[in-house]
């Protein structure tokens, strides 16, 4: 039997609320913003541009939980204290409602996005909102599920490092390995490896900081198109996890194997050698 939102978060007058369905803005996923910087997420509820979308007393905000279809993470309920319209651009002074705080980042809701609008009348949807899950702690990125399950967009990788997720850090610090970076913008791929005493964690940290990790061809991409290109197009996967006790030469041999198999040296990839 479904658990309705109204059963655990009763709101007497939903007509006083706007429902904010926060989705990708062309540059950022609000879920990634929420994980990296909570104040950055609050700003998504302060500024709405040319339309007075938040024209009611309260805002009930949901974040597109994009790893799962039709799934939303509760981002908070706010009171709109004031509005400004400067040069036909609206902004809002808001205050987080105390009764919503314990649910922020924990409450997941099932909802088919109601059209293209990002702010809709809450009363039209409140009774139909179904609670799909209540997380034990606020969401801080996907948990580590195993080396063979790694498939991360660049923003997901940034999130892991920004909050220093202990499960990911412990796993990646304690393995050598061969990894794959795919540029979804053009289909090209890069095969790299991590060896020595620092493991995959240290190697991928260099990508998070620079976008290119010092790889010659990727350096050219980032110099030409910037970090936003990496955030939009780069995906990271593990091809092989290799025991830390394995000789470094053996890791390099496996790296060369994958370069040959995936044809990443030449027109199809970013590997120079």
C-alpha atoms as a PDB file:
ATOM      1  CA  UNK A   1       0.000   0.000   0.000  1.00  0.00           C
ATOM      2  CA  UNK A   2       1.351   3.415  -0.972  1.00  0.00           C
ATOM      3  CA  UNK A   3       2.385   5.923   1.674  1.00  0.00           C
ATOM      4  CA  UNK A   4       1.157   9.360   0.644  1.00  0.00           C
ATOM      5  CA  UNK A   5       3.153  12.477   1.418  1.00  0.00           C
ATOM      6  CA  UNK A   6       0.156  13.904   3.255  1.00  0.00           C
ATOM      7  CA  UNK A   7       0.361  11.062   5.782  1.00  0.00           C
ATOM      8  CA  UNK A   8       3.830  12.024   7.013  1.00  0.00           C
ATOM      9  CA  UNK A   9       4.012  15.699   6.022  1.00  0.00           C
ATOM     10  CA  UNK A  10       0.521  17.176   6.459  1.00  0.00           C
ATOM     11  CA  UNK A  11      -0.078  20.611   4.917  1.00  0.00           C
ATOM     12  CA  UNK A  12      -3.420  22.218   5.693  1.00  0.00           C
ATOM     13  CA  UNK A  13      -3.461  24.711   2.830  1.00  0.00           C
ATOM     14  CA  UNK A  14      -1.425  23.440  -0.138  1.00  0.00           C
ATOM     15  CA  UNK A  15      -2.935  26.248  -2.227  1.00  0.00           C
ATOM     16  CA  UNK A  16      -0.570  28.614  -0.415  1.00  0.00           C
ATOM     17  CA  UNK A  17       2.425  26.754  -1.913  1.00  0.00           C
ATOM     18  CA  UNK A  18       4.150  26.550  -5.260  1.00  0.00           C
ATOM     19  CA  UNK A  19       5.682  23.170  -6.087  1.00  0.00           C
ATOM     20  CA  UNK A  20       9.239  23.679  -7.341  1.00  0.00           C
ATOM     21  CA  UNK A  21      10.357  20.755  -9.528  1.00  0.00           C
ATOM     22  CA  UNK A  22      14.054  21.519  -9.926  1.00  0.00           C
ATOM     23  CA  UNK A  23      15.631  19.948 -13.019  1.00  0.00           C
ATOM     24  CA  UNK A  24      18.789  20.260 -15.083  1.00  0.00           C
ATOM     25  CA  UNK A  25      19.311  23.885 -16.093  1.00  0.00           C
ATOM     26  CA  UNK A  26      21.507  23.166 -19.088  1.00  0.00           C
ATOM     27  CA  UNK A  27      24.704  23.270 -17.019  1.00  0.00           C
ATOM     28  CA  UNK A  28      24.013  21.669 -13.652  1.00  0.00           C
ATOM     29  CA  UNK A  29      21.874  18.982 -12.123  1.00  0.00           C
ATOM     30  CA  UNK A  30      20.263  20.349  -8.930  1.00  0.00           C
ATOM     31  CA  UNK A  31      20.993  17.020  -7.216  1.00  0.00           C
ATOM     32  CA  UNK A  32      24.717  17.563  -7.780  1.00  0.00           C
ATOM     33  CA  UNK A  33      24.441  21.125  -6.521  1.00  0.00           C
ATOM     34  CA  UNK A  34      22.591  19.923  -3.410  1.00  0.00           C
ATOM     35  CA  UNK A  35      25.323  17.390  -2.599  1.00  0.00           C
ATOM     36  CA  UNK A  36      28.241  19.767  -3.228  1.00  0.00           C
ATOM     37  CA  UNK A  37      26.931  22.929  -1.604  1.00  0.00           C
ATOM     38  CA  UNK A  38      23.699  23.283   0.351  1.00  0.00           C
ATOM     39  CA  UNK A  39      23.763  27.069   0.099  1.00  0.00           C
ATOM     40  CA  UNK A  40      24.161  26.733  -3.659  1.00  0.00           C
ATOM     41  CA  UNK A  41      20.984  24.662  -3.671  1.00  0.00           C
ATOM     42  CA  UNK A  42      19.146  27.293  -1.611  1.00  0.00           C
ATOM     43  CA  UNK A  43      20.028  29.805  -4.316  1.00  0.00           C
ATOM     44  CA  UNK A  44      17.990  27.754  -6.794  1.00  0.00           C
ATOM     45  CA  UNK A  45      14.976  28.818  -4.723  1.00  0.00           C
ATOM     46  CA  UNK A  46      15.992  32.480  -4.498  1.00  0.00           C
ATOM     47  CA  UNK A  47      16.393  33.398  -8.152  1.00  0.00           C
ATOM     48  CA  UNK A  48      13.904  32.608 -10.892  1.00  0.00           C
ATOM     49  CA  UNK A  49      14.656  35.096 -13.680  1.00  0.00           C
ATOM     50  CA  UNK A  50      12.033  36.767 -15.824  1.00  0.00           C
ATOM     51  CA  UNK A  51       8.962  34.948 -14.464  1.00  0.00           C
ATOM     52  CA  UNK A  52       7.448  35.414 -11.031  1.00  0.00           C
ATOM     53  CA  UNK A  53       7.222  31.650 -10.553  1.00  0.00           C
ATOM     54  CA  UNK A  54       7.154  31.739  -6.771  1.00  0.00           C
ATOM     55  CA  UNK A  55       4.143  34.026  -6.471  1.00  0.00           C
ATOM     56  CA  UNK A  56       2.741  32.380  -3.360  1.00  0.00           C
ATOM     57  CA  UNK A  57       3.648  32.482   0.327  1.00  0.00           C
ATOM     58  CA  UNK A  58       5.491  29.151   0.389  1.00  0.00           C
ATOM     59  CA  UNK A  59       7.650  26.917  -1.830  1.00  0.00           C
ATOM     60  CA  UNK A  60       7.772  23.125  -1.622  1.00  0.00           C
ATOM     61  CA  UNK A  61      10.960  22.101  -3.431  1.00  0.00           C
ATOM     62  CA  UNK A  62      11.744  18.771  -5.057  1.00  0.00           C
ATOM     63  CA  UNK A  63      15.062  17.874  -6.680  1.00  0.00           C
ATOM     64  CA  UNK A  64      15.197  15.669  -9.756  1.00  0.00           C
ATOM     65  CA  UNK A  65      16.805  12.446  -8.505  1.00  0.00           C
ATOM     66  CA  UNK A  66      18.121  11.770 -11.983  1.00  0.00           C
ATOM     67  CA  UNK A  67      19.754   8.374 -11.320  1.00  0.00           C
ATOM     68  CA  UNK A  68      16.176   7.027 -11.065  1.00  0.00           C
ATOM     69  CA  UNK A  69      13.243   7.707 -13.364  1.00  0.00           C
ATOM     70  CA  UNK A  70      10.355   9.771 -11.920  1.00  0.00           C
ATOM     71  CA  UNK A  71      12.099  10.024  -8.570  1.00  0.00           C
ATOM     72  CA  UNK A  72      12.520  13.251  -6.591  1.00  0.00           C
ATOM     73  CA  UNK A  73      14.429  14.182  -3.450  1.00  0.00           C
ATOM     74  CA  UNK A  74      12.864  16.635  -1.023  1.00  0.00           C
ATOM     75  CA  UNK A  75      14.961  19.804  -0.936  1.00  0.00           C
ATOM     76  CA  UNK A  76      13.038  21.782   1.688  1.00  0.00           C
ATOM     77  CA  UNK A  77       9.988  23.975   2.218  1.00  0.00           C
ATOM     78  CA  UNK A  78      10.511  27.727   2.276  1.00  0.00           C
ATOM     79  CA  UNK A  79       8.558  30.820   3.179  1.00  0.00           C
ATOM     80  CA  UNK A  80       8.890  33.662   0.689  1.00  0.00           C
ATOM     81  CA  UNK A  81       9.631  36.721   2.807  1.00  0.00           C
ATOM     82  CA  UNK A  82       9.931  39.247  -0.008  1.00  0.00           C
ATOM     83  CA  UNK A  83      10.199  39.596  -3.782  1.00  0.00           C
ATOM     84  CA  UNK A  84      12.152  41.943  -5.994  1.00  0.00           C
ATOM     85  CA  UNK A  85      11.684  42.702  -9.664  1.00  0.00           C
ATOM     86  CA  UNK A  86      14.770  44.435 -11.026  1.00  0.00           C
ATOM     87  CA  UNK A  87      14.981  44.949 -14.786  1.00  0.00           C
ATOM     88  CA  UNK A  88      12.213  42.362 -15.245  1.00  0.00           C
ATOM     89  CA  UNK A  89      14.131  39.725 -13.263  1.00  0.00           C
ATOM     90  CA  UNK A  90      12.560  38.340 -10.097  1.00  0.00           C
ATOM     91  CA  UNK A  91      14.469  37.283  -7.002  1.00  0.00           C
ATOM     92  CA  UNK A  92      13.236  36.133  -3.603  1.00  0.00           C
ATOM     93  CA  UNK A  93      14.229  36.373   0.013  1.00  0.00           C
ATOM     94  CA  UNK A  94      13.364  33.013   1.554  1.00  0.00           C
ATOM     95  CA  UNK A  95      13.453  31.277   4.914  1.00  0.00           C
ATOM     96  CA  UNK A  96      13.578  27.522   5.419  1.00  0.00           C
ATOM     97  CA  UNK A  97      10.590  26.165   7.371  1.00  0.00           C
ATOM     98  CA  UNK A  98      11.749  24.416  10.521  1.00  0.00           C
ATOM     99  CA  UNK A  99       9.215  21.589  10.183  1.00  0.00           C
ATOM    100  CA  UNK A 100      10.772  20.591   6.857  1.00  0.00           C
ATOM    101  CA  UNK A 101      14.368  20.331   8.041  1.00  0.00           C
ATOM    102  CA  UNK A 102      14.382  16.727   9.242  1.00  0.00           C
ATOM    103  CA  UNK A 103      13.079  15.546   5.849  1.00  0.00           C
ATOM    104  CA  UNK A 104      15.556  17.441   3.646  1.00  0.00           C
ATOM    105  CA  UNK A 105      17.687  15.098   1.582  1.00  0.00           C
ATOM    106  CA  UNK A 106      15.990  12.058   3.111  1.00  0.00           C
ATOM    107  CA  UNK A 107      12.504  11.980   1.671  1.00  0.00           C
ATOM    108  CA  UNK A 108      12.211  10.513  -1.833  1.00  0.00           C
ATOM    109  CA  UNK A 109       8.985  10.968  -3.767  1.00  0.00           C
ATOM    110  CA  UNK A 110       7.591   9.360  -6.907  1.00  0.00           C
ATOM    111  CA  UNK A 111       6.259  11.842  -9.444  1.00  0.00           C
ATOM    112  CA  UNK A 112       6.004  12.071 -13.213  1.00  0.00           C
ATOM    113  CA  UNK A 113       7.209  15.547 -14.050  1.00  0.00           C
ATOM    114  CA  UNK A 114       4.149  17.781 -14.567  1.00  0.00           C
ATOM    115  CA  UNK A 115       5.036  19.243 -17.959  1.00  0.00           C
ATOM    116  CA  UNK A 116       7.932  21.583 -18.658  1.00  0.00           C
ATOM    117  CA  UNK A 117       7.126  24.171 -15.998  1.00  0.00           C
ATOM    118  CA  UNK A 118       9.445  24.282 -12.994  1.00  0.00           C
ATOM    119  CA  UNK A 119       6.923  25.836 -10.630  1.00  0.00           C
ATOM    120  CA  UNK A 120       3.312  24.598 -10.515  1.00  0.00           C
ATOM    121  CA  UNK A 121       0.321  24.791  -8.211  1.00  0.00           C
ATOM    122  CA  UNK A 122       1.003  22.484  -5.288  1.00  0.00           C
ATOM    123  CA  UNK A 123      -2.656  21.657  -4.616  1.00  0.00           C
ATOM    124  CA  UNK A 124      -2.899  19.972  -8.023  1.00  0.00           C
ATOM    125  CA  UNK A 125      -0.287  17.386  -7.024  1.00  0.00           C
ATOM    126  CA  UNK A 126      -0.107  17.186  -3.228  1.00  0.00           C
ATOM    127  CA  UNK A 127      -2.678  14.397  -2.736  1.00  0.00           C
ATOM    128  CA  UNK A 128      -1.016  12.238  -5.403  1.00  0.00           C
ATOM    129  CA  UNK A 129       2.565  12.467  -4.148  1.00  0.00           C
ATOM    130  CA  UNK A 130       3.797   9.028  -3.037  1.00  0.00           C
ATOM    131  CA  UNK A 131       6.721   8.492  -0.653  1.00  0.00           C
ATOM    132  CA  UNK A 132       9.037   5.944  -2.267  1.00  0.00           C
ATOM    133  CA  UNK A 133      11.745   5.920   0.392  1.00  0.00           C
ATOM    134  CA  UNK A 134      12.977   7.638   3.535  1.00  0.00           C
ATOM    135  CA  UNK A 135      16.760   7.576   3.692  1.00  0.00           C
ATOM    136  CA  UNK A 136      18.421   7.070   7.094  1.00  0.00           C
ATOM    137  CA  UNK A 137      20.676  10.103   6.512  1.00  0.00           C
ATOM    138  CA  UNK A 138      20.553  12.981   4.013  1.00  0.00           C
ATOM    139  CA  UNK A 139      21.626  11.974   0.522  1.00  0.00           C
ATOM    140  CA  UNK A 140      25.320  12.651  -0.153  1.00  0.00           C
ATOM    141  CA  UNK A 141      25.797  10.749  -3.407  1.00  0.00           C
ATOM    142  CA  UNK A 142      25.380   7.155  -4.478  1.00  0.00           C
ATOM    143  CA  UNK A 143      27.010   4.572  -2.193  1.00  0.00           C
ATOM    144  CA  UNK A 144      29.934   2.475  -3.411  1.00  0.00           C
ATOM    145  CA  UNK A 145      28.443  -0.727  -4.834  1.00  0.00           C
ATOM    146  CA  UNK A 146      31.560  -2.487  -6.116  1.00  0.00           C
ATOM    147  CA  UNK A 147      34.364  -1.853  -8.573  1.00  0.00           C
ATOM    148  CA  UNK A 148      32.474  -3.535 -11.395  1.00  0.00           C
ATOM    149  CA  UNK A 149      29.521  -1.178 -10.866  1.00  0.00           C
ATOM    150  CA  UNK A 150      31.445   2.087 -11.266  1.00  0.00           C
ATOM    151  CA  UNK A 151      29.931   4.279 -13.984  1.00  0.00           C
ATOM    152  CA  UNK A 152      30.149   7.932 -12.956  1.00  0.00           C
ATOM    153  CA  UNK A 153      29.484  11.212 -14.675  1.00  0.00           C
ATOM    154  CA  UNK A 154      32.035  13.904 -13.933  1.00  0.00           C
ATOM    155  CA  UNK A 155      29.658  15.777 -11.570  1.00  0.00           C
ATOM    156  CA  UNK A 156      29.043  12.535  -9.644  1.00  0.00           C
ATOM    157  CA  UNK A 157      32.803  12.116  -9.275  1.00  0.00           C
ATOM    158  CA  UNK A 158      33.118  15.718  -8.094  1.00  0.00           C
ATOM    159  CA  UNK A 159      30.446  15.083  -5.475  1.00  0.00           C
ATOM    160  CA  UNK A 160      32.267  12.045  -4.106  1.00  0.00           C
ATOM    161  CA  UNK A 161      35.448  14.054  -3.639  1.00  0.00           C
ATOM    162  CA  UNK A 162      33.791  17.231  -2.388  1.00  0.00           C
ATOM    163  CA  UNK A 163      32.147  15.408   0.526  1.00  0.00           C
ATOM    164  CA  UNK A 164      34.976  12.861   0.860  1.00  0.00           C
ATOM    165  CA  UNK A 165      32.537   9.954   0.970  1.00  0.00           C
ATOM    166  CA  UNK A 166      34.250   7.412   3.249  1.00  0.00           C
ATOM    167  CA  UNK A 167      32.940   4.303   1.447  1.00  0.00           C
ATOM    168  CA  UNK A 168      34.260   5.481  -1.920  1.00  0.00           C
ATOM    169  CA  UNK A 169      37.514   6.768  -0.468  1.00  0.00           C
ATOM    170  CA  UNK A 170      38.278   3.520   1.346  1.00  0.00           C
ATOM    171  CA  UNK A 171      37.550   1.468  -1.770  1.00  0.00           C
ATOM    172  CA  UNK A 172      39.483   3.607  -4.248  1.00  0.00           C
ATOM    173  CA  UNK A 173      42.470   4.214  -1.997  1.00  0.00           C
ATOM    174  CA  UNK A 174      43.003   0.493  -1.658  1.00  0.00           C
ATOM    175  CA  UNK A 175      43.134  -0.613  -5.264  1.00  0.00           C
ATOM    176  CA  UNK A 176      45.342  -0.185  -8.264  1.00  0.00           C
ATOM    177  CA  UNK A 177      43.591  -0.515 -11.577  1.00  0.00           C
ATOM    178  CA  UNK A 178      42.793   0.364 -15.152  1.00  0.00           C
ATOM    179  CA  UNK A 179      40.032   2.864 -15.843  1.00  0.00           C
ATOM    180  CA  UNK A 180      38.131   4.287 -18.799  1.00  0.00           C
ATOM    181  CA  UNK A 181      37.112   7.875 -19.489  1.00  0.00           C
ATOM    182  CA  UNK A 182      34.472   8.281 -22.196  1.00  0.00           C
ATOM    183  CA  UNK A 183      33.807  11.613 -23.861  1.00  0.00           C
ATOM    184  CA  UNK A 184      30.106  11.397 -24.679  1.00  0.00           C
ATOM    185  CA  UNK A 185      30.387  14.546 -26.774  1.00  0.00           C
ATOM    186  CA  UNK A 186      32.349  12.816 -29.509  1.00  0.00           C
ATOM    187  CA  UNK A 187      32.576   9.141 -28.504  1.00  0.00           C
ATOM    188  CA  UNK A 188      36.327   9.196 -27.905  1.00  0.00           C
ATOM    189  CA  UNK A 189      37.786   7.245 -24.997  1.00  0.00           C
ATOM    190  CA  UNK A 190      40.850   7.337 -22.800  1.00  0.00           C
ATOM    191  CA  UNK A 191      42.332   4.355 -20.959  1.00  0.00           C
ATOM    192  CA  UNK A 192      44.444   5.126 -17.909  1.00  0.00           C
ATOM    193  CA  UNK A 193      45.877   3.292 -14.947  1.00  0.00           C
ATOM    194  CA  UNK A 194      46.731   3.933 -11.321  1.00  0.00           C
ATOM    195  CA  UNK A 195      49.601   2.191  -9.571  1.00  0.00           C
ATOM    196  CA  UNK A 196      52.145   2.889  -6.873  1.00  0.00           C
ATOM    197  CA  UNK A 197      50.974   3.525  -3.308  1.00  0.00           C
ATOM    198  CA  UNK A 198      48.205   6.034  -3.958  1.00  0.00           C
ATOM    199  CA  UNK A 199      45.563   3.952  -5.738  1.00  0.00           C
ATOM    200  CA  UNK A 200      42.673   5.065  -7.925  1.00  0.00           C
ATOM    201  CA  UNK A 201      41.529   7.678  -5.395  1.00  0.00           C
ATOM    202  CA  UNK A 202      44.594   9.871  -5.816  1.00  0.00           C
ATOM    203  CA  UNK A 203      44.589   9.488  -9.590  1.00  0.00           C
ATOM    204  CA  UNK A 204      40.953  10.470  -9.975  1.00  0.00           C
ATOM    205  CA  UNK A 205      41.407  13.364  -7.575  1.00  0.00           C
ATOM    206  CA  UNK A 206      43.681  14.940 -10.193  1.00  0.00           C
ATOM    207  CA  UNK A 207      40.825  14.799 -12.723  1.00  0.00           C
ATOM    208  CA  UNK A 208      38.406  16.415 -10.301  1.00  0.00           C
ATOM    209  CA  UNK A 209      40.863  19.264  -9.725  1.00  0.00           C
ATOM    210  CA  UNK A 210      41.907  19.853 -13.332  1.00  0.00           C
ATOM    211  CA  UNK A 211      39.442  18.095 -15.629  1.00  0.00           C
ATOM    212  CA  UNK A 212      42.268  16.429 -17.527  1.00  0.00           C
ATOM    213  CA  UNK A 213      44.527  14.698 -14.989  1.00  0.00           C
ATOM    214  CA  UNK A 214      47.612  15.811 -16.909  1.00  0.00           C
ATOM    215  CA  UNK A 215      46.835  13.637 -19.963  1.00  0.00           C
ATOM    216  CA  UNK A 216      48.103  15.472 -23.053  1.00  0.00           C
ATOM    217  CA  UNK A 217      45.054  15.067 -25.278  1.00  0.00           C
ATOM    218  CA  UNK A 218      42.602  15.791 -22.483  1.00  0.00           C
ATOM    219  CA  UNK A 219      44.632  18.879 -21.553  1.00  0.00           C
ATOM    220  CA  UNK A 220      43.942  20.163 -25.069  1.00  0.00           C
ATOM    221  CA  UNK A 221      40.212  19.512 -24.664  1.00  0.00           C
ATOM    222  CA  UNK A 222      39.989  21.377 -21.340  1.00  0.00           C
ATOM    223  CA  UNK A 223      42.129  24.280 -22.577  1.00  0.00           C
ATOM    224  CA  UNK A 224      39.833  24.600 -25.587  1.00  0.00           C
ATOM    225  CA  UNK A 225      36.440  24.030 -23.935  1.00  0.00           C
ATOM    226  CA  UNK A 226      36.928  24.443 -20.175  1.00  0.00           C
ATOM    227  CA  UNK A 227      35.856  22.431 -17.142  1.00  0.00           C
ATOM    228  CA  UNK A 228      32.204  22.703 -18.128  1.00  0.00           C
ATOM    229  CA  UNK A 229      32.950  20.418 -21.057  1.00  0.00           C
ATOM    230  CA  UNK A 230      34.269  17.771 -18.671  1.00  0.00           C
ATOM    231  CA  UNK A 231      31.236  18.164 -16.412  1.00  0.00           C
ATOM    232  CA  UNK A 232      28.874  17.772 -19.331  1.00  0.00           C
ATOM    233  CA  UNK A 233      30.602  14.967 -21.246  1.00  0.00           C
ATOM    234  CA  UNK A 234      33.127  12.891 -19.269  1.00  0.00           C
ATOM    235  CA  UNK A 235      32.174   9.550 -17.699  1.00  0.00           C
ATOM    236  CA  UNK A 236      34.432   7.346 -15.562  1.00  0.00           C
ATOM    237  CA  UNK A 237      34.361   3.549 -15.312  1.00  0.00           C
ATOM    238  CA  UNK A 238      36.657   0.858 -13.919  1.00  0.00           C
ATOM    239  CA  UNK A 239      37.898  -1.717 -16.401  1.00  0.00           C
ATOM    240  CA  UNK A 240      39.909  -3.678 -13.846  1.00  0.00           C
ATOM    241  CA  UNK A 241      40.472  -3.417 -10.130  1.00  0.00           C
ATOM    242  CA  UNK A 242      43.934  -4.783  -9.284  1.00  0.00           C
ATOM    243  CA  UNK A 243      45.280  -5.741  -5.878  1.00  0.00           C
ATOM    244  CA  UNK A 244      47.607  -3.176  -4.320  1.00  0.00           C
ATOM    245  CA  UNK A 245      50.305  -5.856  -3.958  1.00  0.00           C
ATOM    246  CA  UNK A 246      50.453  -6.391  -7.719  1.00  0.00           C
ATOM    247  CA  UNK A 247      53.655  -5.264  -9.422  1.00  0.00           C
ATOM    248  CA  UNK A 248      53.285  -1.928 -11.201  1.00  0.00           C
ATOM    249  CA  UNK A 249      54.608  -3.377 -14.466  1.00  0.00           C
ATOM    250  CA  UNK A 250      51.718  -5.850 -14.478  1.00  0.00           C
ATOM    251  CA  UNK A 251      49.247  -2.979 -14.137  1.00  0.00           C
ATOM    252  CA  UNK A 252      50.849  -1.163 -17.058  1.00  0.00           C
ATOM    253  CA  UNK A 253      50.636  -4.306 -19.191  1.00  0.00           C
ATOM    254  CA  UNK A 254      46.902  -4.535 -18.477  1.00  0.00           C
ATOM    255  CA  UNK A 255      46.539  -0.864 -19.395  1.00  0.00           C
ATOM    256  CA  UNK A 256      48.205  -1.532 -22.759  1.00  0.00           C
ATOM    257  CA  UNK A 257      45.888  -4.496 -23.315  1.00  0.00           C
ATOM    258  CA  UNK A 258      42.801  -2.358 -22.852  1.00  0.00           C
ATOM    259  CA  UNK A 259      44.157   0.370 -25.106  1.00  0.00           C
ATOM    260  CA  UNK A 260      44.487  -2.199 -27.899  1.00  0.00           C
ATOM    261  CA  UNK A 261      41.071  -3.739 -27.270  1.00  0.00           C
ATOM    262  CA  UNK A 262      39.245  -0.421 -27.119  1.00  0.00           C
ATOM    263  CA  UNK A 263      41.247   1.197 -29.941  1.00  0.00           C
ATOM    264  CA  UNK A 264      41.992   4.307 -27.897  1.00  0.00           C
ATOM    265  CA  UNK A 265      45.300   5.038 -29.630  1.00  0.00           C
ATOM    266  CA  UNK A 266      44.550   7.021 -32.750  1.00  0.00           C
ATOM    267  CA  UNK A 267      41.353   8.318 -34.300  1.00  0.00           C
ATOM    268  CA  UNK A 268      39.060   6.574 -31.808  1.00  0.00           C
ATOM    269  CA  UNK A 269      40.628   7.767 -28.591  1.00  0.00           C
ATOM    270  CA  UNK A 270      42.705  10.170 -26.552  1.00  0.00           C
ATOM    271  CA  UNK A 271      45.687   7.893 -25.794  1.00  0.00           C
ATOM    272  CA  UNK A 272      48.897   9.029 -27.506  1.00  0.00           C
ATOM    273  CA  UNK A 273      50.912   5.883 -26.713  1.00  0.00           C
END
